[in-house]
Amino acid sequence: MTSSTTQGIKTVLHTVSDLATAKALYTALLGIEPQTDSSFYVGFDTEGQHIGLVPASDTQDVTAPVTYWHVPDIEAKLAEVTAAGATVKEPAREVGEGRLVATFADTDGNVLGLIQDR
């Protein structure tokens, strides 16, 4: 198996209990309005980073921010990290406009994410 490189951490998602309140706080923090603003996701693009707010739900067990590594081949990278001991939490799935996302836990239980833009 050959190693595929990442494009670095460009996306950080925060799970929030109150999306409207969190949106106001992050708008004040970042000094910009969100580029994506819906009832299920609020996203800010600033200085080459994407900061996303996701409402908490009963099915989510993630309470810490999740950093998303951008990769050219999400399935190859999932195979590499699982071969190295990671556990897939959420397999690759499309979230719109050809973007694929997946999450995995490292050997200490930390949740990390992968993003592939098509």
N, C-alpha and C. Protein backbone atom coordinates (compact mmCIF):
# COMPACT_ATOMS: atom_id res chain seq x y z
N MET A 1 0.84 -1.17 0.00
CA MET A 1 0.00 0.00 0.00
C MET A 1 0.89 1.24 0.00
N THR A 2 0.60 2.21 -0.84
CA THR A 2 1.38 3.44 -0.88
C THR A 2 0.70 4.49 -0.02
N SER A 3 1.49 5.33 0.57
CA SER A 3 0.97 6.39 1.43
C SER A 3 0.46 7.56 0.60
N SER A 4 -0.73 8.03 0.93
CA SER A 4 -1.24 9.24 0.28
C SER A 4 -1.08 10.40 1.25
N THR A 5 -0.62 11.52 0.75
CA THR A 5 -0.37 12.67 1.60
C THR A 5 -1.67 13.42 1.88
N THR A 6 -1.65 14.20 2.93
CA THR A 6 -2.80 15.04 3.25
C THR A 6 -2.52 16.46 2.78
N GLN A 7 -3.57 17.25 2.74
CA GLN A 7 -3.44 18.66 2.40
C GLN A 7 -3.53 19.51 3.66
N GLY A 8 -3.43 18.87 4.80
CA GLY A 8 -3.44 19.57 6.08
C GLY A 8 -4.83 19.69 6.67
N ILE A 9 -4.87 20.22 7.89
CA ILE A 9 -6.14 20.46 8.57
C ILE A 9 -6.67 21.80 8.06
N LYS A 10 -7.81 21.74 7.40
CA LYS A 10 -8.44 22.95 6.88
C LYS A 10 -9.83 23.16 7.45
N THR A 11 -10.37 22.13 8.11
CA THR A 11 -11.74 22.19 8.60
C THR A 11 -11.79 21.72 10.04
N VAL A 12 -12.49 22.48 10.89
CA VAL A 12 -12.72 22.10 12.27
C VAL A 12 -14.21 22.24 12.54
N LEU A 13 -14.84 21.16 13.01
CA LEU A 13 -16.27 21.18 13.33
C LEU A 13 -16.46 21.13 14.83
N HIS A 14 -17.36 21.99 15.31
CA HIS A 14 -17.70 22.04 16.72
C HIS A 14 -19.16 21.61 16.87
N THR A 15 -19.42 20.68 17.77
CA THR A 15 -20.78 20.28 18.10
C THR A 15 -21.29 21.27 19.14
N VAL A 16 -22.48 21.83 18.90
CA VAL A 16 -23.02 22.87 19.78
C VAL A 16 -24.43 22.51 20.23
N SER A 17 -24.80 22.97 21.41
CA SER A 17 -26.13 22.67 21.95
C SER A 17 -27.18 23.65 21.43
N ASP A 18 -26.78 24.86 21.09
CA ASP A 18 -27.71 25.88 20.59
C ASP A 18 -27.07 26.55 19.38
N LEU A 19 -27.53 26.18 18.20
CA LEU A 19 -26.91 26.65 16.96
C LEU A 19 -26.98 28.17 16.82
N ALA A 20 -28.11 28.77 17.15
CA ALA A 20 -28.27 30.23 17.00
C ALA A 20 -27.32 30.98 17.92
N THR A 21 -27.21 30.53 19.16
CA THR A 21 -26.31 31.18 20.11
C THR A 21 -24.86 31.02 19.68
N ALA A 22 -24.51 29.80 19.26
CA ALA A 22 -23.15 29.55 18.81
C ALA A 22 -22.82 30.38 17.57
N LYS A 23 -23.79 30.49 16.65
CA LYS A 23 -23.57 31.30 15.44
C LYS A 23 -23.24 32.74 15.82
N ALA A 24 -23.97 33.31 16.76
CA ALA A 24 -23.71 34.68 17.19
C ALA A 24 -22.32 34.81 17.80
N LEU A 25 -21.94 33.85 18.63
CA LEU A 25 -20.63 33.88 19.28
C LEU A 25 -19.51 33.77 18.24
N TYR A 26 -19.61 32.82 17.31
CA TYR A 26 -18.55 32.63 16.31
C TYR A 26 -18.51 33.79 15.32
N THR A 27 -19.65 34.41 15.04
CA THR A 27 -19.67 35.61 14.19
C THR A 27 -18.88 36.72 14.88
N ALA A 28 -19.10 36.89 16.18
CA ALA A 28 -18.35 37.90 16.93
C ALA A 28 -16.86 37.56 16.99
N LEU A 29 -16.55 36.29 17.25
CA LEU A 29 -15.15 35.86 17.34
C LEU A 29 -14.41 36.07 16.03
N LEU A 30 -15.01 35.64 14.93
CA LEU A 30 -14.33 35.67 13.63
C LEU A 30 -14.47 37.01 12.91
N GLY A 31 -15.46 37.80 13.28
CA GLY A 31 -15.66 39.10 12.65
C GLY A 31 -16.25 39.03 11.25
N ILE A 32 -16.89 37.89 10.92
CA ILE A 32 -17.52 37.72 9.62
C ILE A 32 -18.83 36.98 9.78
N GLU A 33 -19.71 37.14 8.80
CA GLU A 33 -20.95 36.38 8.77
C GLU A 33 -20.66 34.98 8.22
N PRO A 34 -21.48 33.99 8.57
CA PRO A 34 -21.26 32.64 8.03
C PRO A 34 -21.53 32.58 6.53
N GLN A 35 -20.77 31.74 5.83
CA GLN A 35 -20.99 31.53 4.40
C GLN A 35 -22.09 30.48 4.19
N THR A 36 -22.25 29.57 5.13
CA THR A 36 -23.31 28.57 5.10
C THR A 36 -24.12 28.75 6.37
N ASP A 37 -25.43 28.88 6.23
CA ASP A 37 -26.27 29.14 7.38
C ASP A 37 -27.60 28.40 7.21
N SER A 38 -27.70 27.23 7.86
CA SER A 38 -28.93 26.45 7.77
C SER A 38 -29.28 25.93 9.16
N SER A 39 -30.39 25.24 9.27
CA SER A 39 -30.81 24.72 10.56
C SER A 39 -29.98 23.53 11.02
N PHE A 40 -29.18 22.94 10.12
CA PHE A 40 -28.38 21.78 10.49
C PHE A 40 -26.88 22.01 10.36
N TYR A 41 -26.47 23.20 9.90
CA TYR A 41 -25.04 23.47 9.75
C TYR A 41 -24.81 24.96 9.54
N VAL A 42 -23.83 25.50 10.24
CA VAL A 42 -23.38 26.88 10.04
C VAL A 42 -21.88 26.82 9.81
N GLY A 43 -21.41 27.42 8.71
CA GLY A 43 -20.00 27.35 8.37
C GLY A 43 -19.39 28.70 8.05
N PHE A 44 -18.19 28.91 8.53
CA PHE A 44 -17.45 30.14 8.32
C PHE A 44 -16.15 29.81 7.57
N ASP A 45 -15.82 30.57 6.55
CA ASP A 45 -14.55 30.44 5.85
C ASP A 45 -13.71 31.67 6.17
N THR A 46 -12.57 31.45 6.81
CA THR A 46 -11.72 32.56 7.21
C THR A 46 -10.25 32.16 7.15
N GLU A 47 -9.46 32.95 6.46
CA GLU A 47 -8.00 32.77 6.42
C GLU A 47 -7.59 31.34 6.07
N GLY A 48 -8.26 30.74 5.09
CA GLY A 48 -7.90 29.41 4.64
C GLY A 48 -8.42 28.28 5.52
N GLN A 49 -9.20 28.61 6.51
CA GLN A 49 -9.80 27.62 7.41
C GLN A 49 -11.31 27.62 7.26
N HIS A 50 -11.93 26.46 7.50
CA HIS A 50 -13.38 26.39 7.55
C HIS A 50 -13.76 25.96 8.96
N ILE A 51 -14.55 26.78 9.63
CA ILE A 51 -15.03 26.50 10.97
C ILE A 51 -16.51 26.18 10.86
N GLY A 52 -16.91 24.98 11.26
CA GLY A 52 -18.30 24.57 11.15
C GLY A 52 -18.93 24.32 12.49
N LEU A 53 -20.23 24.63 12.58
CA LEU A 53 -21.01 24.39 13.79
C LEU A 53 -22.10 23.38 13.45
N VAL A 54 -22.16 22.31 14.22
CA VAL A 54 -23.11 21.23 13.99
C VAL A 54 -23.95 21.06 15.25
N PRO A 55 -25.28 21.07 15.13
CA PRO A 55 -26.09 20.89 16.34
C PRO A 55 -25.91 19.51 16.94
N ALA A 56 -25.85 19.46 18.27
CA ALA A 56 -25.75 18.19 18.98
C ALA A 56 -27.04 17.41 18.78
N SER A 57 -26.91 16.09 18.73
CA SER A 57 -28.09 15.24 18.62
C SER A 57 -27.88 14.02 19.49
N ASP A 58 -28.93 13.26 19.68
CA ASP A 58 -28.83 12.07 20.50
C ASP A 58 -27.91 11.02 19.90
N THR A 59 -27.70 11.06 18.58
CA THR A 59 -26.89 10.04 17.92
C THR A 59 -25.42 10.40 17.89
N GLN A 60 -25.06 11.63 18.21
CA GLN A 60 -23.65 12.03 18.18
C GLN A 60 -23.02 11.79 19.54
N ASP A 61 -21.86 11.15 19.56
CA ASP A 61 -21.15 10.95 20.81
C ASP A 61 -19.87 11.76 20.86
N VAL A 62 -19.74 12.72 19.97
CA VAL A 62 -18.55 13.56 19.91
C VAL A 62 -18.87 14.88 20.60
N THR A 63 -18.08 15.22 21.61
CA THR A 63 -18.29 16.49 22.29
C THR A 63 -17.13 17.46 22.09
N ALA A 64 -15.99 16.96 21.64
CA ALA A 64 -14.83 17.83 21.39
C ALA A 64 -14.83 18.23 19.92
N PRO A 65 -14.17 19.34 19.58
CA PRO A 65 -14.05 19.69 18.16
C PRO A 65 -13.38 18.56 17.38
N VAL A 66 -13.78 18.39 16.15
CA VAL A 66 -13.18 17.38 15.27
C VAL A 66 -12.42 18.10 14.17
N THR A 67 -11.13 17.80 14.04
CA THR A 67 -10.33 18.37 12.96
C THR A 67 -10.43 17.46 11.75
N TYR A 68 -10.57 18.06 10.59
CA TYR A 68 -10.72 17.30 9.35
C TYR A 68 -9.50 17.54 8.47
N TRP A 69 -8.81 16.45 8.15
CA TRP A 69 -7.67 16.47 7.25
C TRP A 69 -8.20 16.33 5.84
N HIS A 70 -7.79 17.21 4.95
CA HIS A 70 -8.20 17.14 3.56
C HIS A 70 -7.25 16.21 2.81
N VAL A 71 -7.83 15.26 2.08
CA VAL A 71 -7.04 14.23 1.40
C VAL A 71 -7.53 14.06 -0.04
N PRO A 72 -6.66 13.61 -0.94
CA PRO A 72 -7.07 13.41 -2.33
C PRO A 72 -7.86 12.11 -2.54
N ASP A 73 -7.69 11.12 -1.64
CA ASP A 73 -8.36 9.83 -1.79
C ASP A 73 -8.78 9.33 -0.40
N ILE A 74 -10.03 9.57 -0.05
CA ILE A 74 -10.52 9.27 1.30
C ILE A 74 -10.49 7.78 1.61
N GLU A 75 -10.85 6.94 0.64
CA GLU A 75 -10.86 5.50 0.89
C GLU A 75 -9.45 4.96 1.11
N ALA A 76 -8.48 5.46 0.34
CA ALA A 76 -7.09 5.03 0.53
C ALA A 76 -6.58 5.46 1.90
N LYS A 77 -6.91 6.68 2.30
CA LYS A 77 -6.43 7.16 3.60
C LYS A 77 -7.10 6.40 4.74
N LEU A 78 -8.40 6.09 4.62
CA LEU A 78 -9.07 5.28 5.64
C LEU A 78 -8.41 3.91 5.76
N ALA A 79 -8.05 3.32 4.63
CA ALA A 79 -7.37 2.02 4.64
C ALA A 79 -6.02 2.12 5.34
N GLU A 80 -5.30 3.20 5.09
CA GLU A 80 -3.99 3.38 5.72
C GLU A 80 -4.10 3.53 7.23
N VAL A 81 -5.03 4.39 7.67
CA VAL A 81 -5.11 4.63 9.12
C VAL A 81 -5.68 3.43 9.86
N THR A 82 -6.61 2.68 9.24
CA THR A 82 -7.12 1.49 9.91
C THR A 82 -6.04 0.41 9.97
N ALA A 83 -5.22 0.31 8.94
CA ALA A 83 -4.11 -0.65 8.97
C ALA A 83 -3.12 -0.29 10.08
N ALA A 84 -3.07 0.99 10.43
CA ALA A 84 -2.16 1.45 11.48
C ALA A 84 -2.81 1.44 12.87
N GLY A 85 -4.07 0.97 12.96
CA GLY A 85 -4.70 0.82 14.27
C GLY A 85 -5.92 1.67 14.54
N ALA A 86 -6.31 2.53 13.62
CA ALA A 86 -7.49 3.37 13.81
C ALA A 86 -8.77 2.54 13.65
N THR A 87 -9.87 3.07 14.18
CA THR A 87 -11.17 2.44 14.06
C THR A 87 -12.12 3.41 13.36
N VAL A 88 -12.73 2.97 12.27
CA VAL A 88 -13.66 3.84 11.55
C VAL A 88 -14.90 4.08 12.41
N LYS A 89 -15.25 5.33 12.59
CA LYS A 89 -16.47 5.69 13.33
C LYS A 89 -17.61 5.94 12.35
N GLU A 90 -17.32 6.65 11.28
CA GLU A 90 -18.31 6.95 10.25
C GLU A 90 -17.63 6.76 8.90
N PRO A 91 -18.06 5.77 8.12
CA PRO A 91 -17.44 5.55 6.82
C PRO A 91 -17.67 6.73 5.89
N ALA A 92 -16.92 6.78 4.81
CA ALA A 92 -17.04 7.89 3.85
C ALA A 92 -18.47 7.98 3.33
N ARG A 93 -18.97 9.21 3.32
CA ARG A 93 -20.30 9.47 2.78
C ARG A 93 -20.31 10.85 2.14
N GLU A 94 -21.17 11.02 1.15
CA GLU A 94 -21.26 12.31 0.48
C GLU A 94 -22.14 13.24 1.30
N VAL A 95 -21.71 14.49 1.42
CA VAL A 95 -22.48 15.48 2.18
C VAL A 95 -22.95 16.64 1.30
N GLY A 96 -22.76 16.50 0.00
CA GLY A 96 -23.22 17.53 -0.93
C GLY A 96 -22.10 18.03 -1.81
N GLU A 97 -22.47 18.35 -3.04
CA GLU A 97 -21.56 18.91 -4.03
C GLU A 97 -20.30 18.06 -4.22
N GLY A 98 -20.46 16.73 -4.10
CA GLY A 98 -19.34 15.83 -4.33
C GLY A 98 -18.36 15.69 -3.18
N ARG A 99 -18.59 16.37 -2.08
CA ARG A 99 -17.68 16.29 -0.93
C ARG A 99 -17.97 15.01 -0.15
N LEU A 100 -16.88 14.29 0.17
CA LEU A 100 -16.98 13.08 0.99
C LEU A 100 -16.36 13.36 2.35
N VAL A 101 -16.97 12.84 3.40
CA VAL A 101 -16.42 12.97 4.75
C VAL A 101 -16.45 11.61 5.44
N ALA A 102 -15.54 11.42 6.37
CA ALA A 102 -15.48 10.22 7.19
C ALA A 102 -14.81 10.58 8.50
N THR A 103 -15.09 9.80 9.54
CA THR A 103 -14.39 10.00 10.81
C THR A 103 -13.86 8.66 11.29
N PHE A 104 -12.79 8.74 12.08
CA PHE A 104 -12.18 7.56 12.68
C PHE A 104 -11.63 7.93 14.04
N ALA A 105 -11.43 6.93 14.87
CA ALA A 105 -10.82 7.15 16.18
C ALA A 105 -9.40 6.61 16.15
N ASP A 106 -8.48 7.38 16.73
CA ASP A 106 -7.12 6.89 16.84
C ASP A 106 -7.04 5.87 17.97
N THR A 107 -5.88 5.36 18.25
CA THR A 107 -5.74 4.30 19.25
C THR A 107 -6.02 4.78 20.67
N ASP A 108 -6.12 6.10 20.89
CA ASP A 108 -6.48 6.64 22.20
C ASP A 108 -7.92 7.12 22.26
N GLY A 109 -8.68 6.90 21.17
CA GLY A 109 -10.09 7.29 21.16
C GLY A 109 -10.37 8.69 20.64
N ASN A 110 -9.33 9.43 20.26
CA ASN A 110 -9.53 10.76 19.70
C ASN A 110 -10.19 10.63 18.34
N VAL A 111 -11.23 11.44 18.09
CA VAL A 111 -11.93 11.38 16.82
C VAL A 111 -11.31 12.38 15.85
N LEU A 112 -10.96 11.88 14.67
CA LEU A 112 -10.38 12.69 13.60
C LEU A 112 -11.24 12.52 12.36
N GLY A 113 -11.20 13.51 11.48
CA GLY A 113 -12.00 13.43 10.27
C GLY A 113 -11.16 13.56 9.02
N LEU A 114 -11.75 13.07 7.92
CA LEU A 114 -11.16 13.19 6.59
C LEU A 114 -12.18 13.81 5.66
N ILE A 115 -11.71 14.64 4.74
CA ILE A 115 -12.55 15.26 3.72
C ILE A 115 -11.87 15.08 2.37
N GLN A 116 -12.68 14.69 1.40
CA GLN A 116 -12.21 14.64 0.01
C GLN A 116 -13.19 15.45 -0.84
N ASP A 117 -12.67 16.43 -1.55
CA ASP A 117 -13.47 17.19 -2.51
C ASP A 117 -13.24 16.60 -3.88
N ARG A 118 -14.32 16.34 -4.58
CA ARG A 118 -14.19 15.75 -5.90
C ARG A 118 -14.01 16.82 -6.94
